[in-house]
N, C-alpha and C. Protein backbone atom coordinates (compact mmCIF):
# COMPACT_ATOMS: atom_id res chain seq x y z
N UNK A 1 64.18 217.91 290.33
CA UNK A 1 63.43 218.72 290.00
C UNK A 1 64.42 219.44 288.72
N UNK A 2 65.05 219.26 288.25
CA UNK A 2 65.83 220.17 287.43
C UNK A 2 65.28 218.95 286.25
N UNK A 3 65.41 217.86 285.97
CA UNK A 3 64.05 216.85 285.20
C UNK A 3 62.95 217.12 284.88
N UNK A 4 62.78 217.21 285.81
CA UNK A 4 60.93 217.91 285.85
C UNK A 4 61.24 219.55 284.83
N UNK A 5 62.20 220.65 285.22
CA UNK A 5 61.64 221.83 284.85
C UNK A 5 62.11 221.33 283.31
N UNK A 6 63.28 220.56 283.29
CA UNK A 6 64.34 220.51 281.71
C UNK A 6 63.18 220.75 280.87
N UNK A 7 61.83 219.36 281.17
CA UNK A 7 60.94 219.32 280.84
C UNK A 7 59.42 219.82 280.57
N UNK A 8 59.15 221.05 280.50
CA UNK A 8 58.40 222.30 280.90
C UNK A 8 58.74 222.75 279.23
N UNK A 9 57.85 223.25 278.74
CA UNK A 9 57.52 223.67 277.29
C UNK A 9 58.18 225.54 277.95
N UNK A 10 58.44 226.01 276.83
CA UNK A 10 58.97 227.62 276.91
C UNK A 10 57.89 228.45 277.75
N UNK A 11 56.58 228.06 277.85
CA UNK A 11 55.73 229.37 278.13
C UNK A 11 55.57 228.62 279.67
N UNK A 12 55.64 227.27 280.08
CA UNK A 12 55.50 227.02 281.42
C UNK A 12 56.41 227.37 282.26
N UNK A 13 57.65 227.59 281.61
CA UNK A 13 59.05 227.54 282.12
C UNK A 13 59.15 229.04 282.25
N UNK A 14 58.29 230.51 281.55
CA UNK A 14 58.15 230.91 282.12
C UNK A 14 57.36 231.60 283.39
N UNK A 15 56.06 231.34 283.01
CA UNK A 15 55.59 230.79 284.39
C UNK A 15 56.03 230.58 285.52
N UNK A 16 56.62 229.44 285.59
CA UNK A 16 57.13 228.65 287.12
C UNK A 16 57.84 229.82 287.01
N UNK A 17 59.14 230.66 286.52
CA UNK A 17 60.03 230.97 286.94
C UNK A 17 59.84 232.40 287.37
N UNK A 18 58.93 233.03 286.46
CA UNK A 18 58.76 234.41 287.40
C UNK A 18 57.25 234.33 288.57
N UNK A 19 56.88 232.63 289.30
CA UNK A 19 56.40 232.56 290.19
C UNK A 19 57.56 232.57 291.32
N UNK A 20 58.99 231.77 291.12
CA UNK A 20 60.14 231.54 291.41
C UNK A 20 60.88 233.62 291.72
N UNK A 21 60.22 234.51 291.46
CA UNK A 21 61.52 235.57 291.55
C UNK A 21 62.44 235.56 291.25
N UNK A 22 63.27 234.42 289.69
CA UNK A 22 64.17 233.84 288.75
C UNK A 22 64.32 232.41 288.49
N UNK A 23 64.80 231.82 288.00
CA UNK A 23 64.92 230.85 287.89
C UNK A 23 64.80 229.59 289.54
N UNK A 24 63.53 228.67 288.53
CA UNK A 24 63.19 227.77 289.79
C UNK A 24 64.05 226.80 289.90
N UNK A 25 65.45 226.59 289.20
CA UNK A 25 66.82 225.79 289.13
C UNK A 25 67.61 226.53 290.91
N UNK A 26 67.50 227.52 290.75
CA UNK A 26 68.56 228.13 291.68
C UNK A 26 67.59 228.26 293.23
N UNK A 27 66.49 227.82 293.43
CA UNK A 27 65.71 227.30 294.55
C UNK A 27 65.86 226.20 294.83
N UNK A 28 66.23 225.66 296.65
CA UNK A 28 66.30 224.36 296.74
C UNK A 28 65.65 224.06 296.51
N UNK A 29 65.66 222.25 296.57
CA UNK A 29 64.49 221.69 297.03
C UNK A 29 62.71 221.80 296.93
N UNK A 30 62.62 222.02 298.31
CA UNK A 30 62.05 222.13 299.15
C UNK A 30 60.80 224.08 298.75
N UNK A 31 62.22 225.07 298.74
CA UNK A 31 61.45 225.85 298.39
C UNK A 31 60.42 225.65 296.85
N UNK A 32 61.43 224.83 295.04
CA UNK A 32 60.76 225.07 294.25
C UNK A 32 59.70 224.09 294.90
N UNK A 33 59.64 222.95 295.54
CA UNK A 33 58.48 222.13 295.57
C UNK A 33 56.98 223.11 296.55
N UNK A 34 57.30 224.37 297.10
CA UNK A 34 56.42 224.79 297.72
C UNK A 34 55.64 225.81 296.80
N UNK A 35 56.96 226.15 295.58
CA UNK A 35 56.48 227.42 295.00
C UNK A 35 55.80 226.33 293.45
N UNK A 36 55.86 225.21 293.24
CA UNK A 36 54.98 224.61 292.42
C UNK A 36 53.49 224.16 292.98
N UNK A 37 53.59 224.28 294.33
CA UNK A 37 52.47 223.70 294.89
C UNK A 37 51.50 224.45 295.14
N UNK A 38 52.42 225.58 295.62
CA UNK A 38 51.22 227.49 294.92
C UNK A 38 50.39 226.68 293.65
N UNK A 39 51.63 227.42 292.41
CA UNK A 39 51.29 227.12 291.35
C UNK A 39 49.86 226.58 290.75
N UNK A 40 50.04 225.01 291.39
CA UNK A 40 49.12 223.93 290.80
C UNK A 40 47.76 224.43 291.73
N UNK A 41 47.71 225.02 293.38
CA UNK A 41 46.72 225.10 293.76
C UNK A 41 45.47 226.79 293.50
N UNK A 42 46.46 227.39 292.94
CA UNK A 42 45.92 228.49 292.63
C UNK A 42 45.87 228.37 290.80
N UNK A 43 45.93 227.42 289.69
CA UNK A 43 45.44 226.68 288.94
C UNK A 43 44.08 226.14 289.01
N UNK A 44 44.03 225.31 290.09
CA UNK A 44 43.05 224.15 290.82
C UNK A 44 41.56 225.16 291.00
N UNK A 45 42.43 226.32 291.84
CA UNK A 45 40.88 226.91 292.35
C UNK A 45 40.49 227.76 291.08
N UNK A 46 41.09 228.12 289.95
CA UNK A 46 40.71 229.00 288.78
C UNK A 46 40.98 228.28 288.34
N UNK A 47 39.78 227.25 287.32
CA UNK A 47 40.37 226.40 286.36
C UNK A 47 39.59 226.96 284.84
N UNK A 48 40.71 227.14 283.94
CA UNK A 48 39.67 227.37 282.40
C UNK A 48 38.69 226.49 282.14
N UNK A 49 37.88 227.58 281.63
CA UNK A 49 36.73 226.73 280.72
C UNK A 49 37.91 226.76 279.24
N UNK A 50 37.73 226.14 278.24
CA UNK A 50 38.17 225.76 277.00
C UNK A 50 36.60 225.81 276.08
N UNK A 51 36.19 226.78 274.46
CA UNK A 51 35.13 226.25 274.15
C UNK A 51 36.07 226.20 273.21
N UNK A 52 35.51 224.66 272.04
CA UNK A 52 35.42 224.96 270.95
C UNK A 52 35.28 225.92 270.00
N UNK A 53 36.08 226.11 269.18
CA UNK A 53 35.36 227.31 268.10
C UNK A 53 35.11 226.60 267.06
N UNK A 54 35.07 225.80 267.14
CA UNK A 54 34.46 225.05 265.30
C UNK A 54 36.02 225.55 264.19
N UNK A 55 36.58 225.80 264.30
CA UNK A 55 37.97 225.60 263.28
C UNK A 55 38.23 224.87 263.00
N UNK A 56 38.69 223.64 263.33
CA UNK A 56 39.07 222.71 262.79
C UNK A 56 37.80 221.44 263.11
N UNK A 57 37.99 220.65 262.12
CA UNK A 57 37.09 219.28 262.47
C UNK A 57 38.05 218.10 263.76
N UNK A 58 36.58 217.39 263.98
CA UNK A 58 37.34 216.65 264.91
C UNK A 58 37.59 215.76 264.73
N UNK A 59 39.34 215.29 264.98
CA UNK A 59 40.23 213.84 264.25
C UNK A 59 41.10 214.15 263.38
N UNK A 60 41.03 215.96 262.85
CA UNK A 60 41.71 216.31 261.70
C UNK A 60 43.39 215.56 261.96
N UNK A 61 43.65 216.48 262.87
CA UNK A 61 45.36 215.89 263.01
C UNK A 61 46.00 214.41 263.26
N UNK A 62 44.65 213.63 263.79
CA UNK A 62 44.56 211.88 264.63
C UNK A 62 44.73 211.16 262.57
N UNK A 63 43.84 211.79 261.54
CA UNK A 63 43.57 211.16 260.28
C UNK A 63 45.08 211.67 259.48
N UNK A 64 45.32 213.03 259.41
CA UNK A 64 46.75 213.03 259.27
C UNK A 64 47.77 211.63 258.92
N UNK A 65 48.24 212.31 260.41
CA UNK A 65 49.30 211.30 261.10
C UNK A 65 49.63 209.95 260.60
N UNK A 66 48.31 209.16 260.59
CA UNK A 66 47.74 208.50 260.38
C UNK A 66 47.97 208.53 258.33
N UNK A 67 47.51 208.75 257.48
CA UNK A 67 47.48 209.15 256.19
C UNK A 67 48.86 209.43 255.85
N UNK A 68 49.29 210.15 256.24
CA UNK A 68 51.28 210.35 256.37
C UNK A 68 51.84 209.50 256.71
N UNK A 69 51.92 208.39 257.37
CA UNK A 69 52.05 207.10 257.70
C UNK A 69 51.55 205.53 256.50
N UNK A 70 50.04 205.89 256.32
CA UNK A 70 50.17 205.09 254.45
C UNK A 70 51.19 205.36 254.01
N UNK A 71 50.84 206.43 253.32
CA UNK A 71 51.65 207.45 252.28
C UNK A 71 52.89 207.34 251.77
């Protein structure tokens, strides 16, 4: 559980800790698992549809990464 928790980004860690009413790592394995299961089920029930805003051309990041390797 500790490896999973430490792999979370800061925003997700804050959400998980808020759901745990404290730090997730202070919970037993079973309590932590139940909390994560509830978060996953809640997220599944209310999916967020992302809308592309058109601010960036598709593939820009990939091309920039390749260009930096070549250059």
